[in-house]
Amino acid sequence: MKTKNLISMMFGCLAAMCVTSCLNDDDKNNNSSGTLSKAQIAQCFMTVEGDYAGDLLYLAKSDDGLTEQVDTLVGEWSIHTDSTLIIADFPAKVLAELVSHAGLKKALAEAPNQTLKCQIRFVNVSPVQFLTNPYTLEYNAFYDGNTHKVHIVFYGDNTYSFGFFDAESNEMMVKIIPAYLYVDEKMTNYLTQSQIVFLGKR
């Protein structure tokens, strides 16, 4: 388990990166309109293409169940087209930590890992930055005596859901945010919104 200091450091880092996502009018490599040319998109892709491994950071309840702290799992992801980022073996237990319904929480914690695909849209060339648009995840969760169809929808095309690549250190940060939870096609209030962050190297 990480300490609360790590939460502050992580969120501070994310805030700093958000600030740098504002495009610089004076930089010929960027576009102040926020729309990159095909050549710029190709340049971004060439810069970040590859397989990445590192940490998956998320908020989890402490052992006493009273406080939250950052927990860490192994994270792996890849970018092999200019429009898609693929997160391998995304653990449902990370999402379970955000669910308030006890039966559903337990069922999700035991659900198998899934591949999570995210559409990406490059918005900055130097440094490379992109918005992340994760696809909806679907689970069959058995609780309260029945199997329920569960869908978790993420925020997409949102400035708080983004990726950042540091060419000097060869490090990437990707942030995604679960937004809504549906059970049997009905929206619920079971989900607490929280940042899920991937930090790693190629």
N, C-alpha and C. Protein backbone atom coordinates (compact mmCIF):
# COMPACT_ATOMS: atom_id res chain seq x y z
N MET A 1 0.84 -1.20 0.00
CA MET A 1 0.00 0.00 0.00
C MET A 1 0.87 1.26 0.00
N LYS A 2 0.42 2.28 -0.72
CA LYS A 2 1.11 3.56 -0.72
C LYS A 2 0.50 4.45 0.36
N THR A 3 1.17 5.54 0.64
CA THR A 3 0.67 6.46 1.65
C THR A 3 -0.14 7.56 1.00
N LYS A 4 -0.81 8.37 1.88
CA LYS A 4 -1.60 9.48 1.36
C LYS A 4 -0.72 10.53 0.70
N ASN A 5 0.55 10.57 1.09
CA ASN A 5 1.46 11.52 0.44
C ASN A 5 1.56 11.24 -1.06
N LEU A 6 1.50 9.95 -1.41
CA LEU A 6 1.59 9.59 -2.82
C LEU A 6 0.38 10.10 -3.58
N ILE A 7 -0.78 10.10 -2.94
CA ILE A 7 -1.97 10.64 -3.59
C ILE A 7 -1.74 12.09 -3.96
N SER A 8 -1.25 12.88 -3.00
CA SER A 8 -1.02 14.30 -3.26
C SER A 8 0.01 14.49 -4.36
N MET A 9 1.08 13.69 -4.32
CA MET A 9 2.12 13.81 -5.33
C MET A 9 1.58 13.46 -6.71
N MET A 10 0.79 12.37 -6.76
CA MET A 10 0.27 11.91 -8.03
C MET A 10 -0.69 12.94 -8.62
N PHE A 11 -1.63 13.43 -7.81
CA PHE A 11 -2.61 14.38 -8.30
C PHE A 11 -1.94 15.71 -8.65
N GLY A 12 -0.90 16.08 -7.89
CA GLY A 12 -0.16 17.29 -8.23
C GLY A 12 0.53 17.16 -9.56
N CYS A 13 1.09 15.99 -9.80
CA CYS A 13 1.76 15.72 -11.07
C CYS A 13 0.75 15.79 -12.21
N LEU A 14 -0.43 15.20 -11.99
CA LEU A 14 -1.46 15.21 -13.02
C LEU A 14 -1.90 16.63 -13.33
N ALA A 15 -2.04 17.44 -12.28
CA ALA A 15 -2.46 18.83 -12.48
C ALA A 15 -1.43 19.57 -13.32
N ALA A 16 -0.15 19.33 -13.03
CA ALA A 16 0.91 19.98 -13.79
C ALA A 16 0.86 19.56 -15.25
N MET A 17 0.58 18.28 -15.47
CA MET A 17 0.51 17.79 -16.85
C MET A 17 -0.70 18.38 -17.57
N CYS A 18 -1.80 18.55 -16.84
CA CYS A 18 -2.98 19.17 -17.45
C CYS A 18 -2.65 20.57 -17.94
N VAL A 19 -1.87 21.29 -17.13
CA VAL A 19 -1.50 22.65 -17.50
C VAL A 19 -0.70 22.65 -18.80
N THR A 20 0.22 21.70 -18.93
CA THR A 20 1.06 21.66 -20.12
C THR A 20 0.28 21.24 -21.34
N SER A 21 -0.93 20.72 -21.17
CA SER A 21 -1.72 20.30 -22.32
C SER A 21 -2.28 21.48 -23.09
N CYS A 22 -2.22 22.68 -22.50
CA CYS A 22 -2.62 23.89 -23.23
C CYS A 22 -1.62 24.10 -24.36
N LEU A 23 -2.10 24.17 -25.57
CA LEU A 23 -1.21 24.24 -26.71
C LEU A 23 -0.52 25.59 -26.79
N ASN A 24 0.74 25.55 -27.19
CA ASN A 24 1.57 26.75 -27.22
C ASN A 24 1.53 27.36 -28.62
N ASP A 25 0.98 28.57 -28.72
CA ASP A 25 0.87 29.23 -30.01
C ASP A 25 2.23 29.49 -30.64
N ASP A 26 3.27 29.59 -29.83
CA ASP A 26 4.58 29.94 -30.36
C ASP A 26 5.37 28.73 -30.83
N ASP A 27 4.83 27.54 -30.57
CA ASP A 27 5.55 26.32 -30.93
C ASP A 27 5.05 25.83 -32.28
N LYS A 28 5.92 25.82 -33.28
CA LYS A 28 5.51 25.44 -34.62
C LYS A 28 5.09 23.98 -34.71
N ASN A 29 5.46 23.17 -33.69
CA ASN A 29 5.10 21.76 -33.71
C ASN A 29 3.68 21.51 -33.20
N ASN A 30 3.04 22.54 -32.65
CA ASN A 30 1.71 22.38 -32.09
C ASN A 30 0.72 23.26 -32.84
N ASN A 31 -0.56 23.06 -32.54
CA ASN A 31 -1.62 23.78 -33.25
C ASN A 31 -2.55 24.37 -32.22
N SER A 32 -2.69 25.70 -32.21
CA SER A 32 -3.48 26.36 -31.18
C SER A 32 -4.95 26.03 -31.27
N SER A 33 -5.42 25.49 -32.40
CA SER A 33 -6.83 25.14 -32.53
C SER A 33 -7.15 23.83 -31.82
N GLY A 34 -6.12 23.07 -31.46
CA GLY A 34 -6.34 21.79 -30.81
C GLY A 34 -6.52 20.64 -31.79
N THR A 35 -6.49 20.94 -33.09
CA THR A 35 -6.62 19.91 -34.11
C THR A 35 -5.29 19.77 -34.83
N LEU A 36 -4.70 18.59 -34.76
CA LEU A 36 -3.40 18.37 -35.38
C LEU A 36 -3.57 17.93 -36.82
N SER A 37 -2.57 18.21 -37.63
CA SER A 37 -2.55 17.77 -39.02
C SER A 37 -2.22 16.28 -39.08
N LYS A 38 -2.41 15.68 -40.25
CA LYS A 38 -2.06 14.27 -40.43
C LYS A 38 -0.58 14.05 -40.17
N ALA A 39 0.25 14.99 -40.60
CA ALA A 39 1.70 14.87 -40.40
C ALA A 39 2.03 14.94 -38.91
N GLN A 40 1.38 15.81 -38.18
CA GLN A 40 1.62 15.93 -36.74
C GLN A 40 1.16 14.67 -35.99
N ILE A 41 0.01 14.14 -36.39
CA ILE A 41 -0.48 12.90 -35.78
C ILE A 41 0.50 11.76 -36.04
N ALA A 42 1.01 11.69 -37.26
CA ALA A 42 2.00 10.64 -37.59
C ALA A 42 3.26 10.81 -36.75
N GLN A 43 3.68 12.05 -36.53
CA GLN A 43 4.86 12.31 -35.70
C GLN A 43 4.62 11.87 -34.26
N CYS A 44 3.43 12.17 -33.74
CA CYS A 44 3.08 11.75 -32.37
C CYS A 44 3.12 10.23 -32.26
N PHE A 45 2.51 9.56 -33.23
CA PHE A 45 2.45 8.10 -33.20
C PHE A 45 3.85 7.49 -33.24
N MET A 46 4.71 8.00 -34.11
CA MET A 46 6.07 7.48 -34.20
C MET A 46 6.81 7.66 -32.87
N THR A 47 6.48 8.72 -32.15
CA THR A 47 7.15 9.00 -30.88
C THR A 47 6.73 8.03 -29.79
N VAL A 48 5.46 7.63 -29.77
CA VAL A 48 4.95 6.85 -28.64
C VAL A 48 4.71 5.38 -28.95
N GLU A 49 4.83 4.97 -30.20
CA GLU A 49 4.51 3.59 -30.56
C GLU A 49 5.33 2.60 -29.74
N GLY A 50 4.68 1.53 -29.27
CA GLY A 50 5.40 0.49 -28.55
C GLY A 50 4.59 -0.12 -27.43
N ASP A 51 5.27 -0.98 -26.66
CA ASP A 51 4.67 -1.67 -25.52
C ASP A 51 5.22 -1.06 -24.24
N TYR A 52 4.35 -0.88 -23.26
CA TYR A 52 4.71 -0.22 -22.01
C TYR A 52 4.39 -1.11 -20.82
N ALA A 53 5.17 -0.96 -19.76
CA ALA A 53 4.91 -1.68 -18.51
C ALA A 53 5.27 -0.78 -17.35
N GLY A 54 4.51 -0.91 -16.28
CA GLY A 54 4.77 -0.08 -15.11
C GLY A 54 3.73 -0.32 -14.03
N ASP A 55 3.27 0.75 -13.42
CA ASP A 55 2.35 0.67 -12.29
C ASP A 55 0.94 1.11 -12.68
N LEU A 56 -0.04 0.42 -12.15
CA LEU A 56 -1.43 0.84 -12.20
C LEU A 56 -1.76 1.33 -10.80
N LEU A 57 -2.10 2.61 -10.67
CA LEU A 57 -2.38 3.20 -9.36
C LEU A 57 -3.87 3.52 -9.25
N TYR A 58 -4.45 3.17 -8.11
CA TYR A 58 -5.87 3.41 -7.91
C TYR A 58 -6.16 3.56 -6.42
N LEU A 59 -7.27 4.21 -6.11
CA LEU A 59 -7.66 4.38 -4.71
C LEU A 59 -8.33 3.12 -4.19
N ALA A 60 -7.89 2.66 -3.03
CA ALA A 60 -8.46 1.47 -2.41
C ALA A 60 -8.73 1.75 -0.94
N LYS A 61 -9.69 1.04 -0.40
CA LYS A 61 -9.98 1.17 1.02
C LYS A 61 -8.85 0.56 1.84
N SER A 62 -8.55 1.18 2.98
CA SER A 62 -7.54 0.64 3.89
C SER A 62 -8.11 -0.61 4.56
N ASP A 63 -7.27 -1.32 5.27
CA ASP A 63 -7.69 -2.56 5.93
C ASP A 63 -8.84 -2.32 6.91
N ASP A 64 -8.88 -1.14 7.53
CA ASP A 64 -9.96 -0.86 8.48
C ASP A 64 -11.23 -0.39 7.78
N GLY A 65 -11.15 -0.19 6.45
CA GLY A 65 -12.32 0.21 5.69
C GLY A 65 -12.75 1.64 5.89
N LEU A 66 -11.98 2.42 6.61
CA LEU A 66 -12.40 3.77 6.97
C LEU A 66 -11.73 4.85 6.11
N THR A 67 -10.58 4.56 5.58
CA THR A 67 -9.85 5.56 4.80
C THR A 67 -9.48 4.99 3.43
N GLU A 68 -9.10 5.88 2.53
CA GLU A 68 -8.65 5.49 1.21
C GLU A 68 -7.17 5.78 1.07
N GLN A 69 -6.50 4.93 0.33
CA GLN A 69 -5.09 5.16 0.05
C GLN A 69 -4.79 4.57 -1.33
N VAL A 70 -3.69 5.02 -1.91
CA VAL A 70 -3.33 4.55 -3.25
C VAL A 70 -2.74 3.15 -3.16
N ASP A 71 -3.27 2.24 -3.97
CA ASP A 71 -2.72 0.90 -4.08
C ASP A 71 -2.11 0.76 -5.47
N THR A 72 -1.25 -0.22 -5.65
CA THR A 72 -0.51 -0.37 -6.89
C THR A 72 -0.56 -1.81 -7.39
N LEU A 73 -0.82 -1.96 -8.68
CA LEU A 73 -0.74 -3.25 -9.35
C LEU A 73 0.17 -3.10 -10.56
N VAL A 74 0.52 -4.21 -11.17
CA VAL A 74 1.31 -4.17 -12.40
C VAL A 74 0.38 -3.76 -13.55
N GLY A 75 0.85 -2.86 -14.38
CA GLY A 75 0.08 -2.42 -15.54
C GLY A 75 0.86 -2.59 -16.83
N GLU A 76 0.19 -3.03 -17.88
CA GLU A 76 0.81 -3.16 -19.20
C GLU A 76 -0.14 -2.62 -20.25
N TRP A 77 0.39 -1.85 -21.20
CA TRP A 77 -0.43 -1.31 -22.26
C TRP A 77 0.42 -1.10 -23.51
N SER A 78 -0.24 -0.87 -24.63
CA SER A 78 0.49 -0.75 -25.90
C SER A 78 -0.23 0.23 -26.82
N ILE A 79 0.57 0.82 -27.71
CA ILE A 79 0.05 1.69 -28.76
C ILE A 79 0.69 1.23 -30.08
N HIS A 80 -0.14 0.67 -30.96
CA HIS A 80 0.38 0.17 -32.23
C HIS A 80 -0.38 0.73 -33.43
N THR A 81 -1.31 1.65 -33.18
CA THR A 81 -1.92 2.44 -34.26
C THR A 81 -2.02 3.87 -33.74
N ASP A 82 -2.32 4.80 -34.64
CA ASP A 82 -2.39 6.20 -34.21
C ASP A 82 -3.73 6.55 -33.58
N SER A 83 -4.59 5.55 -33.38
CA SER A 83 -5.91 5.84 -32.82
C SER A 83 -6.31 4.94 -31.66
N THR A 84 -5.47 3.99 -31.27
CA THR A 84 -5.88 3.02 -30.26
C THR A 84 -4.78 2.72 -29.26
N LEU A 85 -5.14 2.72 -28.00
CA LEU A 85 -4.29 2.27 -26.90
C LEU A 85 -4.98 1.06 -26.28
N ILE A 86 -4.23 0.01 -26.05
CA ILE A 86 -4.80 -1.22 -25.50
C ILE A 86 -4.18 -1.52 -24.14
N ILE A 87 -5.04 -1.62 -23.13
CA ILE A 87 -4.60 -1.98 -21.78
C ILE A 87 -4.82 -3.47 -21.59
N ALA A 88 -3.75 -4.20 -21.32
CA ALA A 88 -3.85 -5.66 -21.18
C ALA A 88 -4.25 -6.04 -19.76
N ASP A 89 -5.10 -7.05 -19.67
CA ASP A 89 -5.47 -7.63 -18.36
C ASP A 89 -5.91 -6.57 -17.36
N PHE A 90 -6.84 -5.73 -17.76
CA PHE A 90 -7.34 -4.70 -16.83
C PHE A 90 -8.14 -5.38 -15.73
N PRO A 91 -7.74 -5.21 -14.46
CA PRO A 91 -8.36 -5.95 -13.36
C PRO A 91 -9.68 -5.32 -12.89
N ALA A 92 -10.72 -6.14 -12.84
CA ALA A 92 -12.03 -5.67 -12.36
C ALA A 92 -11.97 -5.27 -10.89
N LYS A 93 -11.00 -5.82 -10.14
CA LYS A 93 -10.91 -5.49 -8.71
C LYS A 93 -10.65 -4.00 -8.50
N VAL A 94 -10.02 -3.35 -9.48
CA VAL A 94 -9.79 -1.91 -9.39
C VAL A 94 -11.13 -1.17 -9.42
N LEU A 95 -12.03 -1.61 -10.29
CA LEU A 95 -13.35 -1.01 -10.38
C LEU A 95 -14.19 -1.37 -9.16
N ALA A 96 -14.00 -2.58 -8.65
CA ALA A 96 -14.77 -3.03 -7.48
C ALA A 96 -14.54 -2.10 -6.29
N GLU A 97 -13.34 -1.54 -6.19
CA GLU A 97 -13.03 -0.63 -5.08
C GLU A 97 -13.90 0.62 -5.11
N LEU A 98 -14.48 0.92 -6.27
CA LEU A 98 -15.27 2.14 -6.43
C LEU A 98 -16.76 1.90 -6.28
N VAL A 99 -17.16 0.64 -6.02
CA VAL A 99 -18.57 0.26 -5.98
C VAL A 99 -19.06 0.18 -4.55
N SER A 100 -20.22 0.78 -4.28
CA SER A 100 -20.76 0.82 -2.92
C SER A 100 -21.65 -0.38 -2.59
N HIS A 101 -22.25 -1.00 -3.59
CA HIS A 101 -23.14 -2.14 -3.35
C HIS A 101 -22.31 -3.36 -2.98
N ALA A 102 -22.52 -3.92 -1.80
CA ALA A 102 -21.66 -4.98 -1.27
C ALA A 102 -21.63 -6.22 -2.16
N GLY A 103 -22.81 -6.68 -2.61
CA GLY A 103 -22.86 -7.88 -3.44
C GLY A 103 -22.18 -7.69 -4.78
N LEU A 104 -22.44 -6.56 -5.43
CA LEU A 104 -21.82 -6.27 -6.72
C LEU A 104 -20.33 -6.05 -6.56
N LYS A 105 -19.94 -5.40 -5.49
CA LYS A 105 -18.52 -5.15 -5.22
C LYS A 105 -17.75 -6.48 -5.15
N LYS A 106 -18.30 -7.44 -4.42
CA LYS A 106 -17.65 -8.74 -4.28
C LYS A 106 -17.61 -9.49 -5.62
N ALA A 107 -18.71 -9.42 -6.36
CA ALA A 107 -18.76 -10.11 -7.64
C ALA A 107 -17.75 -9.53 -8.63
N LEU A 108 -17.64 -8.21 -8.66
CA LEU A 108 -16.68 -7.58 -9.57
C LEU A 108 -15.25 -7.89 -9.17
N ALA A 109 -14.99 -7.92 -7.87
CA ALA A 109 -13.63 -8.20 -7.39
C ALA A 109 -13.16 -9.58 -7.84
N GLU A 110 -14.11 -10.47 -8.08
CA GLU A 110 -13.78 -11.85 -8.48
C GLU A 110 -13.88 -12.05 -9.99
N ALA A 111 -14.27 -11.03 -10.72
CA ALA A 111 -14.44 -11.16 -12.18
C ALA A 111 -13.08 -11.26 -12.87
N PRO A 112 -13.03 -11.94 -14.01
CA PRO A 112 -11.75 -12.07 -14.72
C PRO A 112 -11.28 -10.75 -15.31
N ASN A 113 -9.96 -10.65 -15.49
CA ASN A 113 -9.38 -9.47 -16.14
C ASN A 113 -9.86 -9.39 -17.59
N GLN A 114 -9.90 -8.17 -18.11
CA GLN A 114 -10.30 -7.97 -19.50
C GLN A 114 -9.30 -7.07 -20.21
N THR A 115 -9.30 -7.16 -21.54
CA THR A 115 -8.57 -6.20 -22.35
C THR A 115 -9.43 -4.95 -22.48
N LEU A 116 -8.86 -3.81 -22.18
CA LEU A 116 -9.58 -2.54 -22.28
C LEU A 116 -8.99 -1.73 -23.44
N LYS A 117 -9.80 -1.53 -24.47
CA LYS A 117 -9.37 -0.71 -25.61
C LYS A 117 -9.78 0.74 -25.38
N CYS A 118 -8.90 1.64 -25.76
CA CYS A 118 -9.17 3.07 -25.64
C CYS A 118 -8.86 3.74 -26.97
N GLN A 119 -9.82 4.46 -27.51
CA GLN A 119 -9.50 5.33 -28.63
C GLN A 119 -8.68 6.49 -28.09
N ILE A 120 -7.72 6.93 -28.86
CA ILE A 120 -6.93 8.09 -28.44
C ILE A 120 -6.97 9.16 -29.53
N ARG A 121 -6.83 10.40 -29.08
CA ARG A 121 -6.79 11.52 -30.02
C ARG A 121 -5.64 12.44 -29.61
N PHE A 122 -4.62 12.49 -30.44
CA PHE A 122 -3.46 13.33 -30.15
C PHE A 122 -3.86 14.81 -30.21
N VAL A 123 -3.41 15.55 -29.20
CA VAL A 123 -3.75 16.98 -29.13
C VAL A 123 -2.51 17.87 -29.01
N ASN A 124 -1.35 17.25 -28.82
CA ASN A 124 -0.12 18.04 -28.65
C ASN A 124 1.07 17.23 -29.13
N VAL A 125 2.01 17.89 -29.79
CA VAL A 125 3.15 17.19 -30.37
C VAL A 125 4.36 17.20 -29.46
N SER A 126 4.65 18.35 -28.85
CA SER A 126 5.85 18.47 -28.03
C SER A 126 5.53 19.22 -26.74
N PRO A 127 5.34 18.45 -25.63
CA PRO A 127 5.41 16.99 -25.52
C PRO A 127 4.15 16.33 -26.10
N VAL A 128 4.27 15.03 -26.40
CA VAL A 128 3.12 14.31 -26.95
C VAL A 128 2.06 14.14 -25.86
N GLN A 129 0.84 14.55 -26.19
CA GLN A 129 -0.29 14.37 -25.29
C GLN A 129 -1.50 13.94 -26.10
N PHE A 130 -2.37 13.16 -25.47
CA PHE A 130 -3.56 12.68 -26.17
C PHE A 130 -4.70 12.50 -25.18
N LEU A 131 -5.91 12.61 -25.69
CA LEU A 131 -7.10 12.32 -24.89
C LEU A 131 -7.40 10.83 -24.99
N THR A 132 -7.87 10.23 -23.90
CA THR A 132 -8.20 8.81 -23.89
C THR A 132 -9.71 8.63 -23.85
N ASN A 133 -10.18 7.67 -24.62
CA ASN A 133 -11.61 7.38 -24.74
C ASN A 133 -11.83 5.87 -24.59
N PRO A 134 -11.86 5.35 -23.35
CA PRO A 134 -12.00 3.91 -23.16
C PRO A 134 -13.37 3.40 -23.61
N TYR A 135 -13.37 2.20 -24.17
CA TYR A 135 -14.62 1.54 -24.51
C TYR A 135 -15.30 1.06 -23.21
N THR A 136 -16.59 0.83 -23.29
CA THR A 136 -17.35 0.33 -22.14
C THR A 136 -16.94 -1.10 -21.82
N LEU A 137 -16.80 -1.40 -20.53
CA LEU A 137 -16.52 -2.76 -20.08
C LEU A 137 -17.81 -3.43 -19.67
N GLU A 138 -17.94 -4.72 -19.98
CA GLU A 138 -19.15 -5.48 -19.67
C GLU A 138 -18.79 -6.71 -18.83
N TYR A 139 -19.56 -6.94 -17.77
CA TYR A 139 -19.33 -8.08 -16.89
C TYR A 139 -20.65 -8.80 -16.63
N ASN A 140 -20.56 -10.11 -16.40
CA ASN A 140 -21.67 -10.88 -15.87
C ASN A 140 -21.38 -11.10 -14.39
N ALA A 141 -22.16 -10.46 -13.55
CA ALA A 141 -21.90 -10.50 -12.10
C ALA A 141 -23.03 -11.23 -11.38
N PHE A 142 -22.67 -12.26 -10.65
CA PHE A 142 -23.68 -13.02 -9.88
C PHE A 142 -23.71 -12.52 -8.44
N TYR A 143 -24.84 -12.00 -8.03
CA TYR A 143 -25.04 -11.58 -6.65
C TYR A 143 -26.55 -11.49 -6.39
N ASP A 144 -26.92 -11.52 -5.14
CA ASP A 144 -28.33 -11.48 -4.73
C ASP A 144 -29.14 -12.56 -5.43
N GLY A 145 -28.49 -13.71 -5.68
CA GLY A 145 -29.20 -14.86 -6.23
C GLY A 145 -29.41 -14.85 -7.73
N ASN A 146 -28.89 -13.84 -8.43
CA ASN A 146 -29.09 -13.76 -9.88
C ASN A 146 -27.82 -13.28 -10.58
N THR A 147 -27.75 -13.58 -11.88
CA THR A 147 -26.67 -13.06 -12.70
C THR A 147 -27.13 -11.76 -13.35
N HIS A 148 -26.33 -10.71 -13.20
CA HIS A 148 -26.69 -9.39 -13.70
C HIS A 148 -25.69 -8.94 -14.76
N LYS A 149 -26.20 -8.26 -15.76
CA LYS A 149 -25.35 -7.69 -16.79
C LYS A 149 -24.90 -6.31 -16.32
N VAL A 150 -23.59 -6.15 -16.17
CA VAL A 150 -23.03 -4.91 -15.64
C VAL A 150 -22.19 -4.22 -16.71
N HIS A 151 -22.45 -2.94 -16.92
CA HIS A 151 -21.66 -2.14 -17.86
C HIS A 151 -21.03 -0.97 -17.10
N ILE A 152 -19.75 -0.77 -17.33
CA ILE A 152 -19.06 0.38 -16.74
C ILE A 152 -18.57 1.27 -17.88
N VAL A 153 -19.06 2.51 -17.86
CA VAL A 153 -18.76 3.49 -18.90
C VAL A 153 -17.73 4.48 -18.36
N PHE A 154 -16.74 4.81 -19.19
CA PHE A 154 -15.68 5.74 -18.81
C PHE A 154 -15.92 7.10 -19.46
N TYR A 155 -15.36 8.13 -18.85
CA TYR A 155 -15.36 9.43 -19.50
C TYR A 155 -14.50 9.36 -20.75
N GLY A 156 -14.97 10.02 -21.81
CA GLY A 156 -14.22 10.04 -23.05
C GLY A 156 -14.11 11.44 -23.60
N ASP A 157 -13.04 11.68 -24.35
CA ASP A 157 -12.79 12.98 -24.97
C ASP A 157 -12.88 14.10 -23.93
N ASN A 158 -12.30 13.83 -22.78
CA ASN A 158 -12.38 14.73 -21.64
C ASN A 158 -10.96 15.15 -21.26
N THR A 159 -10.76 16.42 -20.96
CA THR A 159 -9.41 16.90 -20.67
C THR A 159 -8.82 16.32 -19.39
N TYR A 160 -9.66 15.68 -18.56
CA TYR A 160 -9.14 15.05 -17.35
C TYR A 160 -8.82 13.57 -17.57
N SER A 161 -9.08 13.08 -18.77
CA SER A 161 -8.81 11.69 -19.12
C SER A 161 -7.85 11.71 -20.30
N PHE A 162 -6.55 11.57 -20.01
CA PHE A 162 -5.56 11.87 -21.04
C PHE A 162 -4.27 11.07 -20.84
N GLY A 163 -3.40 11.16 -21.82
CA GLY A 163 -2.09 10.54 -21.75
C GLY A 163 -1.00 11.55 -22.03
N PHE A 164 0.20 11.27 -21.49
CA PHE A 164 1.34 12.19 -21.57
C PHE A 164 2.60 11.36 -21.74
N PHE A 165 3.45 11.74 -22.68
CA PHE A 165 4.70 11.01 -22.90
C PHE A 165 5.89 11.95 -22.76
N ASP A 166 6.84 11.54 -21.92
CA ASP A 166 8.07 12.30 -21.70
C ASP A 166 9.18 11.62 -22.51
N ALA A 167 9.57 12.24 -23.62
CA ALA A 167 10.55 11.62 -24.52
C ALA A 167 11.92 11.46 -23.87
N GLU A 168 12.29 12.36 -22.94
CA GLU A 168 13.60 12.28 -22.31
C GLU A 168 13.73 11.06 -21.41
N SER A 169 12.68 10.79 -20.63
CA SER A 169 12.73 9.66 -19.71
C SER A 169 12.12 8.40 -20.30
N ASN A 170 11.48 8.54 -21.48
CA ASN A 170 10.79 7.42 -22.12
C ASN A 170 9.63 6.91 -21.27
N GLU A 171 9.04 7.79 -20.47
CA GLU A 171 7.95 7.42 -19.57
C GLU A 171 6.61 7.94 -20.09
N MET A 172 5.58 7.16 -19.82
CA MET A 172 4.23 7.57 -20.20
C MET A 172 3.31 7.50 -19.00
N MET A 173 2.38 8.44 -18.94
CA MET A 173 1.30 8.41 -17.97
C MET A 173 -0.01 8.39 -18.73
N VAL A 174 -0.91 7.50 -18.34
CA VAL A 174 -2.25 7.44 -18.93
C VAL A 174 -3.25 7.47 -17.79
N LYS A 175 -4.27 8.32 -17.93
CA LYS A 175 -5.29 8.41 -16.89
C LYS A 175 -6.66 8.15 -17.50
N ILE A 176 -7.45 7.29 -16.83
CA ILE A 176 -8.83 7.03 -17.24
C ILE A 176 -9.72 7.22 -16.02
N ILE A 177 -11.01 7.54 -16.27
CA ILE A 177 -11.93 7.80 -15.16
C ILE A 177 -13.26 7.10 -15.42
N PRO A 178 -13.62 6.09 -14.60
CA PRO A 178 -14.95 5.49 -14.71
C PRO A 178 -16.02 6.53 -14.41
N ALA A 179 -17.09 6.55 -15.22
CA ALA A 179 -18.11 7.59 -15.09
C ALA A 179 -19.46 7.07 -14.61
N TYR A 180 -19.92 5.97 -15.21
CA TYR A 180 -21.27 5.47 -14.92
C TYR A 180 -21.26 3.96 -14.81
N LEU A 181 -22.16 3.44 -13.97
CA LEU A 181 -22.32 2.00 -13.82
C LEU A 181 -23.78 1.63 -14.06
N TYR A 182 -23.98 0.71 -15.01
CA TYR A 182 -25.32 0.24 -15.34
C TYR A 182 -25.46 -1.21 -14.91
N VAL A 183 -26.59 -1.55 -14.33
CA VAL A 183 -26.92 -2.93 -14.00
C VAL A 183 -28.21 -3.28 -14.72
N ASP A 184 -28.14 -4.31 -15.56
CA ASP A 184 -29.30 -4.73 -16.36
C ASP A 184 -29.89 -3.54 -17.11
N GLU A 185 -28.98 -2.74 -17.72
CA GLU A 185 -29.31 -1.60 -18.57
C GLU A 185 -29.93 -0.42 -17.82
N LYS A 186 -29.84 -0.42 -16.50
CA LYS A 186 -30.34 0.70 -15.72
C LYS A 186 -29.19 1.38 -14.99
N MET A 187 -29.13 2.70 -15.10
CA MET A 187 -28.06 3.43 -14.42
C MET A 187 -28.25 3.35 -12.91
N THR A 188 -27.13 3.20 -12.21
CA THR A 188 -27.17 3.13 -10.76
C THR A 188 -26.36 4.27 -10.16
N ASN A 189 -26.43 4.39 -8.86
CA ASN A 189 -25.58 5.35 -8.14
C ASN A 189 -24.53 4.63 -7.30
N TYR A 190 -24.17 3.43 -7.72
CA TYR A 190 -23.24 2.59 -6.96
C TYR A 190 -21.78 3.00 -7.16
N LEU A 191 -21.48 3.76 -8.21
CA LEU A 191 -20.09 4.00 -8.60
C LEU A 191 -19.59 5.34 -8.08
N THR A 192 -18.42 5.30 -7.43
CA THR A 192 -17.72 6.53 -7.05
C THR A 192 -16.69 6.84 -8.12
N GLN A 193 -16.73 8.04 -8.66
CA GLN A 193 -15.78 8.41 -9.71
C GLN A 193 -14.40 8.64 -9.11
N SER A 194 -13.38 8.09 -9.76
CA SER A 194 -12.02 8.23 -9.26
C SER A 194 -11.05 8.03 -10.42
N GLN A 195 -9.89 8.61 -10.29
CA GLN A 195 -8.86 8.48 -11.31
C GLN A 195 -8.16 7.12 -11.21
N ILE A 196 -7.92 6.51 -12.36
CA ILE A 196 -7.10 5.30 -12.46
C ILE A 196 -5.92 5.69 -13.34
N VAL A 197 -4.72 5.52 -12.82
CA VAL A 197 -3.53 6.06 -13.49
C VAL A 197 -2.53 4.95 -13.79
N PHE A 198 -1.98 5.00 -14.98
CA PHE A 198 -0.92 4.08 -15.40
C PHE A 198 0.36 4.90 -15.58
N LEU A 199 1.43 4.46 -14.93
CA LEU A 199 2.74 5.11 -15.04
C LEU A 199 3.77 4.06 -15.42
N GLY A 200 4.44 4.22 -16.54
CA GLY A 200 5.40 3.21 -16.93
C GLY A 200 6.30 3.62 -18.07
N LYS A 201 7.16 2.69 -18.47
CA LYS A 201 8.15 2.93 -19.53
C LYS A 201 7.99 1.93 -20.66
N ARG A 202 8.52 2.32 -21.80
CA ARG A 202 8.51 1.46 -22.98
C ARG A 202 9.67 0.47 -22.89
